[in-house]
Each structure stands twice: as structure tokens, then as C-alpha cells.
């Protein structure tokens, strides 16, 4: 459970920093201490956190990754409409 919690927190931070790419970057000195500790624990440096979040952000436009995500989601849900591995439509009841 501990390792899973660590992975989830790191993923949350990556998404947080990726979303921050759309606004003016905040200096690390203005961040809460808890966030600074998380950066050090999960990324070693603020710059590495930003690089990893940028990679994740730009990867969502990769057609191969989109196709793979559609196929995997289709298989895990077991229903919906998969169109040639590039788009997937499913019922709203499957949203978390």
C-alpha cells in the first residue's frame, strides 16, 4: 500500500506541474514547504519535476499512446465502441 501511495502522489505531482505549464511558473521559493519536500523526495530537484511533467504533457498528443490507451480501456471495461484503435466511446456510467 505504501508503494502504491508513493506512486499515486508522484503521478499527482506530475499532473500538477503539467497543468502549471499553462500559466506563469511559480518560483520554488514561493511554494509551500510540503510541496518543496515532495519535490525533493520524488524528483530530487524542481527542474527534474518540470521536465518529467513536460514529457507527460506532450506525450498525450502521441497517436500511438492514445491508441494503446483506447485499446487497454476497452479491454478493461469490456464494453463501448472502439474505432480502429484511435478513439473509444463509452457510457458515462464508466466514469470514476
Protein backbone atom coordinates (compact mmCIF):
# COMPACT_ATOMS: atom_id res chain seq x y z
CA UNK A 1 0.00 0.00 0.00
CA UNK A 2 2.88 2.38 0.81
CA UNK A 3 4.47 1.95 -2.64
CA UNK A 4 1.12 2.48 -4.31
CA UNK A 5 0.57 5.67 -2.29
CA UNK A 6 4.01 6.92 -3.33
CA UNK A 7 3.28 6.23 -6.98
CA UNK A 8 -0.09 7.99 -6.79
CA UNK A 9 1.46 11.05 -5.11
CA UNK A 10 4.19 11.27 -7.75
CA UNK A 11 1.58 11.00 -10.51
CA UNK A 12 -0.47 13.74 -8.82
CA UNK A 13 2.59 15.98 -8.70
CA UNK A 14 3.38 15.35 -12.36
CA UNK A 15 -0.17 16.34 -13.32
CA UNK A 16 0.03 19.40 -11.03
CA UNK A 17 3.25 20.60 -12.67
CA UNK A 18 1.97 19.74 -16.17
CA UNK A 19 -1.09 21.91 -15.59
CA UNK A 20 1.22 24.62 -14.30
CA UNK A 21 2.83 24.75 -17.76
CA UNK A 22 -0.21 26.73 -18.91
CA UNK A 23 0.38 29.58 -16.51
CA UNK A 24 3.29 31.61 -15.28
CA UNK A 25 5.72 29.38 -13.42
CA UNK A 26 5.89 29.97 -9.70
CA UNK A 27 9.37 30.20 -8.20
CA UNK A 28 10.21 27.38 -5.86
CA UNK A 29 10.85 29.87 -3.07
CA UNK A 30 7.13 30.81 -3.10
CA UNK A 31 5.93 27.20 -2.79
CA UNK A 32 4.62 25.69 0.44
CA UNK A 33 7.20 23.72 2.42
CA UNK A 34 5.22 20.50 1.99
CA UNK A 35 5.45 20.82 -1.80
CA UNK A 36 9.18 21.52 -1.61
CA UNK A 37 9.63 18.33 0.44
CA UNK A 38 7.60 16.32 -2.07
CA UNK A 39 9.72 17.66 -4.94
CA UNK A 40 12.91 16.63 -3.14
CA UNK A 41 11.52 13.20 -2.23
CA UNK A 42 10.11 12.29 -5.64
CA UNK A 43 12.24 14.21 -8.18
CA UNK A 44 15.45 15.37 -6.49
CA UNK A 45 15.01 18.85 -7.99
CA UNK A 46 12.34 21.26 -9.19
CA UNK A 47 13.87 21.23 -12.67
CA UNK A 48 13.54 17.43 -12.91
CA UNK A 49 9.90 17.67 -11.80
CA UNK A 50 9.22 20.22 -14.54
CA UNK A 51 10.99 18.11 -17.17
CA UNK A 52 9.06 14.98 -16.25
CA UNK A 53 5.77 16.86 -16.24
CA UNK A 54 6.57 18.39 -19.65
CA UNK A 55 7.31 14.93 -21.06
CA UNK A 56 3.99 13.64 -19.74
CA UNK A 57 2.12 16.65 -21.06
CA UNK A 58 3.47 16.29 -24.59
CA UNK A 59 3.04 12.52 -24.59
CA UNK A 60 -0.76 12.89 -24.53
CA UNK A 61 -0.57 14.01 -28.16
CA UNK A 62 1.23 10.84 -29.23
CA UNK A 63 -1.16 8.86 -31.51
CA UNK A 64 0.41 5.52 -30.55
CA UNK A 65 -0.11 6.18 -26.86
CA UNK A 66 -3.68 7.32 -27.50
CA UNK A 67 -4.41 4.16 -29.47
CA UNK A 68 -2.89 1.93 -26.79
CA UNK A 69 -4.84 3.72 -24.05
CA UNK A 70 -8.07 3.27 -26.04
CA UNK A 71 -7.43 -0.45 -26.53
CA UNK A 72 -6.47 -1.04 -22.88
CA UNK A 73 -9.51 0.85 -21.62
CA UNK A 74 -11.80 -1.04 -23.99
CA UNK A 75 -10.41 -4.34 -22.71
CA UNK A 76 -10.69 -3.35 -19.05
CA UNK A 77 -14.27 -2.05 -19.34
CA UNK A 78 -15.44 -4.79 -21.67
CA UNK A 79 -17.96 -2.57 -23.42
CA UNK A 80 -18.10 0.55 -25.51
CA UNK A 81 -17.15 1.33 -29.08
CA UNK A 82 -13.52 1.15 -30.21
CA UNK A 83 -12.93 2.72 -33.60
CA UNK A 84 -9.81 1.48 -35.39
CA UNK A 85 -7.68 1.83 -32.25
CA UNK A 86 -7.75 5.63 -32.31
CA UNK A 87 -10.91 6.55 -30.44
CA UNK A 88 -13.06 4.97 -27.80
CA UNK A 89 -16.60 5.84 -26.80
CA UNK A 90 -18.11 4.52 -23.59
CA UNK A 91 -21.15 5.07 -21.39
CA UNK A 92 -20.95 7.75 -18.72
CA UNK A 93 -21.56 5.11 -16.01
CA UNK A 94 -17.94 4.01 -16.51
CA UNK A 95 -16.56 7.38 -15.36
CA UNK A 96 -14.98 7.34 -11.93
